[in-house]
C-alpha atoms as a PDB file:
ATOM      1  CA  MET A   1      -0.285   0.154  -0.091  1.00  0.00           C
ATOM      2  CA  SER A   2       1.167   3.625  -1.057  1.00  0.00           C
ATOM      3  CA  THR A   3       0.445   6.932   0.909  1.00  0.00           C
ATOM      4  CA  LYS A   4      -0.232  10.019  -0.329  1.00  0.00           C
ATOM      5  CA  PRO A   5       2.694  12.480  -0.312  1.00  0.00           C
ATOM      6  CA  ASN A   6      -0.345  15.335   0.392  1.00  0.00           C
ATOM      7  CA  ALA A   7      -2.630  13.228   2.630  1.00  0.00           C
ATOM      8  CA  PRO A   8      -3.166  14.869   5.922  1.00  0.00           C
ATOM      9  CA  THR A   9      -1.438  12.582   9.048  1.00  0.00           C
ATOM     10  CA  ARG A  10      -3.592  11.790  11.707  1.00  0.00           C
ATOM     11  CA  LYS A  11      -3.131  12.837  15.426  1.00  0.00           C
ATOM     12  CA  PRO A  12      -2.916  10.616  17.822  1.00  0.00           C
ATOM     13  CA  ASN A  13      -6.369  11.863  20.374  1.00  0.00           C
ATOM     14  CA  ALA A  14      -4.415  13.526  23.632  1.00  0.00           C
ATOM     15  CA  ALA A  15      -7.070  12.020  26.299  1.00  0.00           C
ATOM     16  CA  LEU A  16      -5.961   8.287  24.892  1.00  0.00           C
ATOM     17  CA  LEU A  17      -2.950   8.908  25.915  1.00  0.00           C
ATOM     18  CA  LYS A  18      -3.061  10.665  28.987  1.00  0.00           C
ATOM     19  CA  PRO A  19      -2.563   7.975  31.829  1.00  0.00           C
ATOM     20  CA  VAL A  20      -5.487   7.285  33.994  1.00  0.00           C
ATOM     21  CA  GLN A  21      -5.958   5.612  37.269  1.00  0.00           C
ATOM     22  CA  PRO A  22      -8.223   2.633  37.962  1.00  0.00           C
ATOM     23  CA  ASP A  23      -9.465   1.949  40.654  1.00  0.00           C
ATOM     24  CA  GLU A  24      -9.352  -1.094  43.351  1.00  0.00           C
ATOM     25  CA  VAL A  25     -12.402  -2.936  41.609  1.00  0.00           C
ATOM     26  CA  LEU A  26     -10.275  -2.456  38.183  1.00  0.00           C
ATOM     27  CA  SER A  27      -6.578  -2.745  38.867  1.00  0.00           C
ATOM     28  CA  VAL A  28      -8.053  -6.516  39.707  1.00  0.00           C
ATOM     29  CA  ILE A  29      -7.497  -7.107  35.481  1.00  0.00           C
ATOM     30  CA  VAL A  30      -5.551  -4.119  34.344  1.00  0.00           C
ATOM     31  CA  GLY A  31      -3.265  -3.514  37.476  1.00  0.00           C
ATOM     32  CA  SER A  32      -2.973  -0.818  39.676  1.00  0.00           C
ATOM     33  CA  THR A  33      -0.088   1.425  37.787  1.00  0.00           C
ATOM     34  CA  PRO A  34      -1.793   4.041  35.535  1.00  0.00           C
ATOM     35  CA  LEU A  35      -2.537   3.914  31.800  1.00  0.00           C
ATOM     36  CA  PRO A  36      -3.499   5.630  28.882  1.00  0.00           C
ATOM     37  CA  ARG A  37      -6.793   4.132  27.943  1.00  0.00           C
ATOM     38  CA  GLY A  38      -6.161   2.667  24.650  1.00  0.00           C
ATOM     39  CA  GLU A  39      -3.065   0.211  27.070  1.00  0.00           C
ATOM     40  CA  MET A  40      -6.271   0.081  29.376  1.00  0.00           C
ATOM     41  CA  THR A  41      -8.961  -0.984  26.553  1.00  0.00           C
ATOM     42  CA  LYS A  42      -6.136  -3.476  25.319  1.00  0.00           C
ATOM     43  CA  LYS A  43      -5.766  -5.358  29.001  1.00  0.00           C
ATOM     44  CA  LEU A  44      -9.006  -5.755  29.195  1.00  0.00           C
ATOM     45  CA  TRP A  45      -9.867  -7.388  26.065  1.00  0.00           C
ATOM     46  CA  ASP A  46      -6.339  -9.500  26.723  1.00  0.00           C
ATOM     47  CA  TYR A  47      -8.085 -10.891  29.770  1.00  0.00           C
ATOM     48  CA  ILE A  48     -11.426 -11.619  28.188  1.00  0.00           C
ATOM     49  CA  LYS A  49      -9.997 -13.672  25.344  1.00  0.00           C
ATOM     50  CA  LYS A  50      -7.677 -15.185  27.215  1.00  0.00           C
ATOM     51  CA  HIS A  51     -10.518 -16.192  29.711  1.00  0.00           C
ATOM     52  CA  GLY A  52     -13.250 -16.764  26.722  1.00  0.00           C
ATOM     53  CA  LEU A  53     -15.532 -14.718  28.115  1.00  0.00           C
ATOM     54  CA  GLN A  54     -16.673 -12.969  24.503  1.00  0.00           C
ATOM     55  CA  ASP A  55     -20.025 -14.532  23.827  1.00  0.00           C
ATOM     56  CA  ALA A  56     -20.293 -16.861  21.236  1.00  0.00           C
ATOM     57  CA  THR A  57     -22.741 -16.127  19.495  1.00  0.00           C
ATOM     58  CA  ASN A  58     -22.730 -12.509  19.519  1.00  0.00           C
ATOM     59  CA  LYS A  59     -19.287 -10.949  19.593  1.00  0.00           C
ATOM     60  CA  ARG A  60     -20.694  -7.577  20.191  1.00  0.00           C
ATOM     61  CA  ASN A  61     -20.797  -9.028  24.054  1.00  0.00           C
ATOM     62  CA  ILE A  62     -18.879 -10.000  26.618  1.00  0.00           C
ATOM     63  CA  ASN A  63     -20.165 -12.315  29.647  1.00  0.00           C
ATOM     64  CA  ALA A  64     -18.656 -11.380  33.071  1.00  0.00           C
ATOM     65  CA  ASP A  65     -16.945 -13.796  35.707  1.00  0.00           C
ATOM     66  CA  ASP A  66     -16.829 -12.554  38.657  1.00  0.00           C
ATOM     67  CA  ALA A  67     -13.908  -9.291  38.177  1.00  0.00           C
ATOM     68  CA  LEU A  68     -15.590  -8.277  35.155  1.00  0.00           C
ATOM     69  CA  LYS A  69     -19.156  -8.232  36.796  1.00  0.00           C
ATOM     70  CA  LYS A  70     -17.775  -5.835  39.476  1.00  0.00           C
ATOM     71  CA  VAL A  71     -16.525  -3.765  36.514  1.00  0.00           C
ATOM     72  CA  PHE A  72     -19.802  -4.272  35.101  1.00  0.00           C
ATOM     73  CA  ASN A  73     -21.561  -3.400  37.948  1.00  0.00           C
ATOM     74  CA  GLY A  74     -23.216  -6.660  38.952  1.00  0.00           C
ATOM     75  CA  LYS A  75     -24.728  -7.464  34.904  1.00  0.00           C
ATOM     76  CA  ALA A  76     -23.705 -10.700  33.592  1.00  0.00           C
ATOM     77  CA  GLN A  77     -23.241  -9.756  29.970  1.00  0.00           C
ATOM     78  CA  VAL A  78     -22.875  -6.324  28.686  1.00  0.00           C
ATOM     79  CA  SER A  79     -22.525  -5.522  24.794  1.00  0.00           C
ATOM     80  CA  MET A  80     -18.460  -3.766  23.667  1.00  0.00           C
ATOM     81  CA  PHE A  81     -19.950  -0.207  23.895  1.00  0.00           C
ATOM     82  CA  GLU A  82     -21.627  -0.648  27.134  1.00  0.00           C
ATOM     83  CA  MET A  83     -18.452  -2.005  28.457  1.00  0.00           C
ATOM     84  CA  THR A  84     -16.192   1.483  27.628  1.00  0.00           C
ATOM     85  CA  LYS A  85     -18.827   3.522  29.237  1.00  0.00           C
ATOM     86  CA  LEU A  86     -18.619   1.509  32.727  1.00  0.00           C
ATOM     87  CA  VAL A  87     -15.013   0.929  32.923  1.00  0.00           C
ATOM     88  CA  SER A  88     -14.709   4.906  32.234  1.00  0.00           C
ATOM     89  CA  GLY A  89     -16.285   4.863  36.178  1.00  0.00           C
ATOM     90  CA  HIS A  90     -13.853   3.124  37.085  1.00  0.00           C
ATOM     91  CA  VAL A  91     -10.970   5.973  36.362  1.00  0.00           C
ATOM     92  CA  LYS A  92      -9.457   8.918  38.029  1.00  0.00           C
ATOM     93  CA  ALA A  93      -8.008  10.939  35.693  1.00  0.00           C
END
């Protein structure tokens, strides 16, 4: 693939690069050190895949284990989009 010489370069979103502190509930899954949101999402997906928590019939849904239920406010299953919203409630900027 070739890139056009005049193509505008995409700037990374500064908000996604700024480290945020996970709370004690989320730190069980992603660790307790501050992480950029993008890295936190990557670690969350690594956890989901490692434990086979992605729904087999509808891949957009995540089935929660005990640790994720705490992050998901007690819900047994959430969509990917709802997951990001719920995770945001467990970080301190």
